[in-house]
Amino acid sequence: MKPRRYQLRKDAVAIVERGHPWIFREQLSTAANVFSDGQWLRLVDGQNHVIGYGIYEADGAIAIRILKRGEDPPDARWLRTTLDAAIARRAELAKSTDGIRLVHGESDALPAVVVDQFSDTAVVSSYSPGSDALARYVGHALRAPTIVLRPARRRRGPALPARTLRGTAPPVAHFTEDGVRFAVDLEGGHKTGTYLDLRGLRRDLATRVRRYQGARVLNLFSYTGMLGRVAELAGASKIVHVDQSERALAFAAAHHVVDPAKHEFIQADVFDWLPQRSLAESFDIVIVDPPAMTSKKSQVPGVLAAYRKLYTAAAQYTHPGSTLVAACCTSRVERPMFTDTVRQTLGRGFSPGGDIPPEVDHPVSFPQADYLKILVFDVGQI
C-alpha cells in the first residue's frame, strides 16, 4: 500500500519522537479528513522531513497508529525483521508451551495486530479495522502450517468472517502448557479463541490448589473452563463454573473436564446471580475475572461502581484462610485505580497477597498497554 503524505502538527511530532504509538484525533489538522480508514501515511514535520509512517483510523479516539519511525518506508523486509524479532523474544517461553502470543500489537511494533499460536495453528487478528491489511500481511509472512485470519469488529455494518490463509483450520485447536492439554474454540470463541494472557493465573492457581486438601474453587466468568481444568488436575475436589455463555460452558464440559463429578456448571449473568447468594457454601479459592466493560473514559466511574458491587458479593463466598483473585482487563481502568477500588471494597479482612504480572508474550511497552491486572487477596477474619 503506497503511503500518502501527511504533515503533523508540532504536538503530534513530539508524540512520535517520544515513542508513543498513537496520535489522537484532537491532535490532527483538518487535512486528515480526506483519508480513508486503513490508509497508510508518510508522516512529515514542519520542515517536510519524514519522521515515520502510520495507519489512519477513521473512527474512534485513536486517529493514527504509528507503524514505523524514521525515513525508510515499511516494506516486506521490515515486516519480516519485525515479525522474526517478536518471535525470537518468545524463545524461552516456547520451552514450556506451544500456546504463545507471537505478536502483541503495538508492544511488538505491529499496531493493532495480534498472533496467537496454538501448536500448528496460528490465529491472526486485528483489533482495529484500519489494521486489517497489516494483519493480512503478517498472516502471509508466518510460517505456521495453518493460519486463520480474523478481521476486526466493525462499528457499523456486518462483521467480516474469519478465513483461512493456509492449511485447513480445525473447529477446535489444542495446545499444551506446563504439561496440561487445552482446547481452543476456533469457530466461536472470543478474540482468537481463548485467553493466553491468563497463563500466570493458571500457574498460580495450580500452586494454590495444592496447598489445600481437596480445594473448593468458585470460578466466576469461567468461559471455557481452562482454570477449572488446572484446578482439577492440581487436586481440587469441586469446581463451580459460572458464565453467561451456554456455548462456553458446553465447551468446558466437553474439553476441560476429567471427572464430571467434580464440576458444576451454572449458566447465569454473574452480576445478577452473585448478589443473590445463590450457593449456600463458601470456597477456598474464589476467582473473579469479568470481561472488559468499557473503552471510554467517561464510563469509568460506572465500571468502578460495578466492581464495588461485584467484589462485595464475591466476598460472601470466602472464609478465613481462603483466597480471592480479582482481575480487570479494562484498559481504561488504570492499575492504581483498580487496586484501590478492590482493596477499599473488600476491607481489612482481605490482605494483599501480591499481584500476577503480565506474561512475557504480552509485553507492556506503553501505559495504555497495561490492560490486565490480577490481584490476589488472602482472607483473614472477616
Protein backbone atom coordinates (compact mmCIF):
# COMPACT_ATOMS: atom_id res chain seq x y z
CA MET A 1 0.00 0.00 0.00
CA LYS A 2 1.52 3.33 -1.08
CA PRO A 3 1.61 5.80 1.84
CA ARG A 4 0.15 9.27 1.38
CA ARG A 5 1.86 12.35 2.74
CA TYR A 6 0.53 13.98 5.90
CA GLN A 7 2.14 16.87 7.77
CA LEU A 8 1.84 16.56 11.52
CA ARG A 9 1.31 19.41 13.93
CA LYS A 10 4.09 20.12 16.42
CA ASP A 11 2.37 18.33 19.31
CA ALA A 12 1.89 15.23 17.16
CA VAL A 13 5.53 15.31 16.04
CA ALA A 14 6.54 15.33 19.70
CA ILE A 15 4.42 12.22 20.32
CA VAL A 16 6.17 10.32 17.54
CA GLU A 17 9.58 11.42 18.77
CA ARG A 18 8.76 10.30 22.33
CA GLY A 19 7.99 6.82 21.02
CA HIS A 20 4.30 6.66 21.87
CA PRO A 21 2.44 4.52 19.32
CA TRP A 22 -0.74 6.61 18.98
CA ILE A 23 -1.75 10.03 17.72
CA PHE A 24 -5.20 11.03 18.94
CA ARG A 25 -7.86 12.64 16.81
CA GLU A 26 -7.75 16.04 18.52
CA GLN A 27 -4.08 16.28 17.52
CA LEU A 28 -4.86 16.18 13.77
CA SER A 29 -5.41 19.03 11.38
CA THR A 30 -8.41 19.18 9.07
CA ALA A 31 -6.17 17.99 6.21
CA ALA A 32 -6.54 14.46 7.57
CA ASN A 33 -10.25 14.42 6.75
CA VAL A 34 -9.54 13.26 3.20
CA PHE A 35 -8.04 9.92 4.30
CA SER A 36 -9.96 6.66 4.35
CA ASP A 37 -9.90 4.04 7.06
CA GLY A 38 -6.70 2.00 6.88
CA GLN A 39 -4.80 4.46 4.68
CA TRP A 40 -1.05 4.25 5.25
CA LEU A 41 0.54 7.66 5.80
CA ARG A 42 4.00 9.12 5.34
CA LEU A 43 4.33 11.44 8.31
CA VAL A 44 6.37 14.62 7.91
CA ASP A 45 7.18 17.53 10.22
CA GLY A 46 7.01 21.25 9.51
CA GLN A 47 10.27 21.13 7.56
CA ASN A 48 8.91 18.30 5.38
CA HIS A 49 11.26 15.75 6.96
CA VAL A 50 9.86 12.24 7.06
CA ILE A 51 9.71 11.16 10.72
CA GLY A 52 7.73 7.96 10.32
CA TYR A 53 4.76 6.08 8.91
CA GLY A 54 1.33 5.37 10.32
CA ILE A 55 -2.09 3.84 9.71
CA TYR A 56 -5.10 6.15 9.66
CA GLU A 57 -8.19 5.24 11.70
CA ALA A 58 -11.46 6.78 10.54
CA ASP A 59 -13.34 6.25 13.82
CA GLY A 60 -12.52 6.41 17.50
CA ALA A 61 -10.18 8.42 19.69
CA ILE A 62 -7.03 6.99 18.10
CA ALA A 63 -6.52 8.64 14.70
CA ILE A 64 -3.09 7.33 13.65
CA ARG A 65 -1.29 4.20 14.82
CA ILE A 66 2.45 4.54 14.33
CA LEU A 67 3.67 1.81 12.03
CA LYS A 68 7.35 2.71 11.78
CA ARG A 69 9.68 5.55 12.76
CA GLY A 70 12.36 7.02 10.52
CA GLU A 71 12.63 7.87 6.84
CA ASP A 72 12.73 4.38 5.32
CA PRO A 73 9.24 3.16 4.34
CA PRO A 74 7.84 -0.10 5.70
CA ASP A 75 8.38 -2.94 3.23
CA ALA A 76 8.44 -6.73 3.13
CA ARG A 77 11.93 -6.89 4.65
CA TRP A 78 10.89 -4.60 7.52
CA LEU A 79 7.84 -6.78 8.19
CA ARG A 80 9.90 -9.99 8.17
CA THR A 81 12.51 -8.48 10.51
CA THR A 82 9.88 -7.13 12.91
CA LEU A 83 7.98 -10.41 12.99
CA ASP A 84 11.12 -12.52 13.47
CA ALA A 85 12.24 -10.28 16.34
CA ALA A 86 8.89 -10.69 18.10
CA ILE A 87 9.01 -14.47 17.75
CA ALA A 88 12.62 -14.59 18.98
CA ARG A 89 11.61 -12.80 22.19
CA ARG A 90 9.33 -15.79 22.96
CA ALA A 91 12.02 -18.45 22.53
CA GLU A 92 12.36 -19.19 26.26
CA LEU A 93 8.59 -19.39 26.74
CA ALA A 94 8.33 -21.87 23.87
CA LYS A 95 10.21 -24.40 26.02
CA SER A 96 7.18 -24.79 28.32
CA THR A 97 4.22 -24.29 26.00
CA ASP A 98 3.14 -24.24 22.36
CA GLY A 99 0.33 -21.81 23.18
CA ILE A 100 2.01 -18.43 22.71
CA ARG A 101 1.08 -14.92 21.67
CA LEU A 102 3.67 -14.39 18.95
CA VAL A 103 2.69 -10.77 18.26
CA HIS A 104 1.17 -8.36 20.77
CA GLY A 105 0.18 -5.33 18.78
CA GLU A 106 1.95 -2.03 19.39
CA SER A 107 4.22 -3.59 22.02
CA ASP A 108 5.75 -5.67 19.21
CA ALA A 109 5.73 -2.78 16.70
CA LEU A 110 2.84 -4.23 14.65
CA PRO A 111 -0.04 -1.95 15.64
CA ALA A 112 -3.45 -3.45 16.42
CA VAL A 113 -2.34 -6.91 15.25
CA VAL A 114 -2.11 -10.00 17.44
CA VAL A 115 -0.99 -13.50 16.57
CA ASP A 116 -1.79 -16.41 18.87
CA GLN A 117 -0.14 -19.76 18.20
CA PHE A 118 -1.91 -22.95 19.22
CA SER A 119 0.52 -25.73 18.31
CA ASP A 120 0.44 -25.89 14.48
CA THR A 121 -2.35 -23.32 14.12
CA ALA A 122 -1.78 -19.55 14.21
CA VAL A 123 -4.71 -17.14 14.56
CA VAL A 124 -4.02 -13.62 13.28
CA SER A 125 -6.46 -10.92 14.29
CA SER A 126 -6.68 -7.15 14.30
CA TYR A 127 -8.49 -5.11 16.90
CA SER A 128 -8.94 -2.10 14.64
CA PRO A 129 -10.39 -2.19 11.10
CA GLY A 130 -7.63 0.07 9.83
CA SER A 131 -5.06 -2.61 10.63
CA ASP A 132 -6.83 -5.43 8.79
CA ALA A 133 -4.45 -5.10 5.84
CA LEU A 134 -1.41 -5.26 8.12
CA ALA A 135 -2.85 -8.35 9.80
CA ARG A 136 -3.23 -9.97 6.39
CA TYR A 137 0.40 -9.19 5.51
CA VAL A 138 1.53 -10.66 8.84
CA GLY A 139 -0.53 -13.78 8.22
CA HIS A 140 1.11 -14.42 4.87
CA ALA A 141 4.56 -13.89 6.43
CA LEU A 142 4.05 -16.51 9.14
CA ARG A 143 5.48 -19.99 8.74
CA ALA A 144 2.80 -21.97 10.63
CA PRO A 145 1.16 -24.90 8.79
CA THR A 146 -2.33 -23.49 9.44
CA ILE A 147 -3.14 -19.78 9.56
CA VAL A 148 -6.54 -18.28 10.35
CA LEU A 149 -7.27 -14.57 9.81
CA ARG A 150 -9.88 -12.78 11.93
CA PRO A 151 -10.71 -9.20 10.84
CA ALA A 152 -11.55 -6.56 13.42
CA ARG A 153 -15.10 -5.92 14.56
CA ARG A 154 -16.81 -3.06 12.75
CA ARG A 155 -18.55 -0.15 14.45
CA ARG A 156 -21.03 -0.13 11.56
CA GLY A 157 -22.15 -2.85 9.20
CA PRO A 158 -21.90 -6.63 9.45
CA ALA A 159 -18.87 -8.40 10.86
CA LEU A 160 -16.41 -9.81 8.37
CA PRO A 161 -15.99 -13.59 8.60
CA ALA A 162 -12.77 -15.33 9.55
CA ARG A 163 -10.94 -17.03 6.73
CA THR A 164 -8.11 -19.50 6.39
CA LEU A 165 -4.95 -18.23 4.71
CA ARG A 166 -3.11 -21.54 4.79
CA GLY A 167 -3.89 -25.15 5.60
CA THR A 168 -7.20 -26.44 6.93
CA ALA A 169 -8.42 -24.84 10.13
CA PRO A 170 -9.93 -27.29 12.64
CA PRO A 171 -13.02 -26.21 14.60
CA VAL A 172 -11.07 -26.94 17.78
CA ALA A 173 -7.34 -26.36 18.17
CA HIS A 174 -5.16 -27.63 21.01
CA PHE A 175 -2.02 -26.59 22.84
CA THR A 176 -0.05 -27.81 25.84
CA GLU A 177 1.04 -25.63 28.74
CA ASP A 178 3.22 -26.99 31.54
CA GLY A 179 2.17 -30.48 30.53
CA VAL A 180 -1.57 -29.72 30.56
CA ARG A 181 -3.50 -30.00 27.28
CA PHE A 182 -6.08 -27.32 26.49
CA ALA A 183 -8.66 -26.88 23.75
CA VAL A 184 -9.41 -23.68 21.81
CA ASP A 185 -12.78 -22.85 20.26
CA LEU A 186 -11.70 -21.54 16.86
CA GLU A 187 -15.20 -21.46 15.41
CA GLY A 188 -16.99 -19.36 18.00
CA GLY A 189 -14.54 -18.38 20.72
CA HIS A 190 -13.78 -14.88 21.93
CA LYS A 191 -10.84 -12.98 20.46
CA THR A 192 -8.53 -15.60 18.92
CA GLY A 193 -10.37 -18.45 20.66
CA THR A 194 -9.01 -18.37 24.20
CA TYR A 195 -7.06 -16.22 26.67
CA LEU A 196 -3.34 -16.90 26.68
CA ASP A 197 -2.78 -13.85 28.90
CA LEU A 198 -4.15 -15.79 31.89
CA ARG A 199 -1.22 -18.22 31.86
CA GLY A 200 0.22 -16.65 35.01
CA LEU A 201 -3.11 -17.06 36.79
CA ARG A 202 -3.33 -20.70 35.73
CA ARG A 203 0.12 -21.38 37.14
CA ASP A 204 -0.63 -19.51 40.36
CA LEU A 205 -3.94 -21.34 40.73
CA ALA A 206 -2.30 -24.75 40.43
CA THR A 207 0.14 -23.84 43.20
CA ARG A 208 -2.60 -22.54 45.49
CA VAL A 209 -4.88 -25.54 44.99
CA ARG A 210 -2.09 -27.87 46.08
CA ARG A 211 -1.93 -26.08 49.44
CA TYR A 212 -5.40 -27.29 50.32
CA GLN A 213 -6.75 -30.76 50.89
CA GLY A 214 -9.39 -31.08 48.19
CA ALA A 215 -9.78 -27.37 47.46
CA ARG A 216 -13.18 -25.97 46.52
CA VAL A 217 -13.00 -23.40 43.71
CA LEU A 218 -15.59 -20.87 42.53
CA ASN A 219 -14.71 -19.61 39.05
CA LEU A 220 -16.80 -16.60 38.05
CA PHE A 221 -16.87 -15.60 34.37
CA SER A 222 -15.37 -19.03 33.75
CA TYR A 223 -15.57 -19.01 29.93
CA THR A 224 -14.34 -22.36 28.54
CA GLY A 225 -13.13 -23.75 31.85
CA MET A 226 -9.36 -23.74 31.44
CA LEU A 227 -8.89 -22.60 35.03
CA GLY A 228 -11.23 -25.36 36.14
CA ARG A 229 -9.12 -27.95 34.34
CA VAL A 230 -5.98 -26.67 36.05
CA ALA A 231 -7.71 -26.75 39.43
CA GLU A 232 -8.96 -30.31 38.98
CA LEU A 233 -5.57 -31.64 37.88
CA ALA A 234 -3.94 -29.89 40.87
CA GLY A 235 -6.26 -31.73 43.28
CA ALA A 236 -9.44 -29.65 43.68
CA SER A 237 -12.44 -31.60 44.89
CA LYS A 238 -15.08 -29.22 43.50
CA ILE A 239 -15.07 -26.52 40.84
CA VAL A 240 -18.14 -24.36 40.21
CA HIS A 241 -18.12 -22.57 36.85
CA VAL A 242 -20.45 -19.60 36.36
CA ASP A 243 -20.76 -17.92 32.97
CA GLN A 244 -23.47 -16.33 30.84
CA SER A 245 -22.48 -18.23 27.71
CA GLU A 246 -24.13 -21.61 27.17
CA ARG A 247 -21.64 -22.34 24.39
CA ALA A 248 -18.62 -21.64 26.61
CA LEU A 249 -19.92 -23.87 29.41
CA ALA A 250 -20.70 -26.69 26.98
CA PHE A 251 -17.20 -26.37 25.54
CA ALA A 252 -15.73 -26.52 29.04
CA ALA A 253 -17.68 -29.67 29.88
CA ALA A 254 -16.65 -31.33 26.65
CA HIS A 255 -12.94 -30.44 26.65
CA HIS A 256 -11.70 -29.40 30.09
CA VAL A 257 -13.17 -31.95 32.48
CA VAL A 258 -11.61 -35.21 33.65
CA ASP A 259 -14.07 -36.20 36.41
CA PRO A 260 -17.53 -34.69 35.81
CA ALA A 261 -18.47 -35.30 39.45
CA LYS A 262 -16.05 -32.56 40.48
CA HIS A 263 -17.56 -29.88 38.24
CA GLU A 264 -20.77 -27.86 38.39
CA PHE A 265 -21.77 -25.58 35.53
CA ILE A 266 -24.14 -22.66 36.10
CA GLN A 267 -25.34 -20.53 33.20
CA ALA A 268 -26.11 -17.07 34.58
CA ASP A 269 -25.24 -13.41 34.40
CA VAL A 270 -22.72 -13.21 37.24
CA PHE A 271 -23.65 -9.61 38.07
CA ASP A 272 -27.26 -10.71 38.71
CA TRP A 273 -26.55 -14.17 40.11
CA LEU A 274 -23.81 -13.38 42.62
CA PRO A 275 -25.60 -10.90 44.95
CA GLN A 276 -28.43 -13.39 45.48
CA ARG A 277 -26.06 -15.63 47.49
CA SER A 278 -27.14 -18.37 45.13
CA LEU A 279 -24.96 -21.07 46.72
CA ALA A 280 -25.14 -21.77 50.47
CA GLU A 281 -21.46 -22.57 50.80
CA SER A 282 -18.03 -20.98 50.86
CA PHE A 283 -14.96 -21.75 48.78
CA ASP A 284 -11.23 -22.00 49.33
CA ILE A 285 -10.49 -20.05 46.16
CA VAL A 286 -12.80 -17.51 44.50
CA ILE A 287 -11.80 -16.19 41.08
CA VAL A 288 -13.46 -13.05 39.71
CA ASP A 289 -12.42 -12.26 36.12
CA PRO A 290 -15.09 -10.10 34.44
CA PRO A 291 -14.88 -9.10 30.77
CA ALA A 292 -13.73 -5.70 29.58
CA MET A 293 -16.51 -3.29 30.43
CA THR A 294 -15.64 -0.11 28.58
CA SER A 295 -13.20 1.56 26.22
CA LYS A 296 -14.45 5.06 27.05
CA LYS A 297 -13.02 7.23 29.81
CA SER A 298 -16.44 8.72 30.55
CA GLN A 299 -17.77 5.31 31.57
CA VAL A 300 -15.02 4.51 34.08
CA PRO A 301 -16.97 5.71 37.17
CA GLY A 302 -19.80 3.34 36.27
CA VAL A 303 -17.34 0.48 35.82
CA LEU A 304 -15.81 1.14 39.25
CA ALA A 305 -19.30 1.12 40.79
CA ALA A 306 -19.97 -2.24 39.15
CA TYR A 307 -16.67 -3.57 40.52
CA ARG A 308 -17.64 -2.50 44.03
CA LYS A 309 -20.91 -4.42 43.82
CA LEU A 310 -19.18 -7.41 42.27
CA TYR A 311 -16.42 -7.77 44.86
CA THR A 312 -18.76 -7.07 47.77
CA ALA A 313 -20.90 -10.00 46.60
CA ALA A 314 -17.92 -12.26 45.83
CA ALA A 315 -16.52 -11.77 49.34
CA GLN A 316 -19.58 -13.56 50.74
CA TYR A 317 -18.27 -16.83 49.29
CA THR A 318 -14.93 -16.69 51.10
CA HIS A 319 -13.96 -17.83 54.58
CA PRO A 320 -10.94 -17.26 56.85
CA GLY A 321 -7.95 -18.87 55.20
CA SER A 322 -9.31 -18.72 51.66
CA THR A 323 -8.08 -16.76 48.64
CA LEU A 324 -9.86 -14.25 46.41
CA VAL A 325 -8.48 -13.41 42.97
CA ALA A 326 -9.61 -10.10 41.45
CA ALA A 327 -8.95 -9.43 37.77
CA CYS A 328 -9.57 -6.49 35.45
CA CYS A 329 -8.97 -6.44 31.70
CA THR A 330 -10.37 -2.96 31.05
CA SER A 331 -7.50 -0.77 29.86
CA ARG A 332 -9.31 2.44 30.77
CA VAL A 333 -9.24 1.39 34.45
CA GLU A 334 -5.66 2.10 35.42
CA ARG A 335 -3.80 -0.20 37.81
CA PRO A 336 -3.74 2.10 40.89
CA MET A 337 -7.43 2.88 40.39
CA PHE A 338 -8.38 -0.81 40.21
CA THR A 339 -6.19 -1.76 43.17
CA ASP A 340 -7.61 0.97 45.39
CA THR A 341 -11.19 0.15 44.42
CA VAL A 342 -10.88 -3.55 45.23
CA ARG A 343 -8.93 -3.04 48.45
CA GLN A 344 -11.41 -0.49 49.78
CA THR A 345 -14.35 -2.67 48.78
CA LEU A 346 -13.04 -5.85 50.41
CA GLY A 347 -11.89 -4.15 53.61
CA ARG A 348 -9.37 -5.06 56.30
CA GLY A 349 -10.16 -8.75 56.41
CA PHE A 350 -8.57 -9.20 52.99
CA SER A 351 -4.81 -8.72 52.95
CA PRO A 352 -2.96 -8.22 49.64
CA GLY A 353 -1.18 -11.39 48.61
CA GLY A 354 0.59 -9.84 45.65
CA ASP A 355 -0.31 -9.44 42.02
CA ILE A 356 0.34 -11.59 38.97
CA PRO A 357 2.44 -9.68 36.44
CA PRO A 358 1.79 -9.63 32.68
CA GLU A 359 3.08 -12.60 30.73
CA VAL A 360 6.29 -12.23 28.71
CA ASP A 361 4.36 -12.71 25.46
CA HIS A 362 2.02 -9.86 26.45
CA PRO A 363 4.62 -7.10 26.95
CA VAL A 364 3.66 -3.67 28.23
CA SER A 365 5.64 -1.07 26.30
CA PHE A 366 3.46 2.00 26.98
CA PRO A 367 0.95 2.94 29.71
CA GLN A 368 -2.24 2.09 27.80
CA ALA A 369 -0.94 -1.43 27.12
CA ASP A 370 -1.20 -2.27 30.83
CA TYR A 371 -4.73 -3.61 30.42
CA LEU A 372 -4.68 -6.82 32.50
CA LYS A 373 -4.49 -6.52 36.28
CA ILE A 374 -4.67 -9.62 38.51
CA LEU A 375 -4.67 -9.12 42.29
CA VAL A 376 -4.58 -11.87 44.91
CA PHE A 377 -6.03 -11.44 48.42
CA ASP A 378 -5.62 -13.69 51.44
CA VAL A 379 -8.71 -13.82 53.63
CA GLY A 380 -8.30 -13.43 57.38
CA GLN A 381 -11.01 -12.79 59.95
CA ILE A 382 -13.83 -11.09 58.11
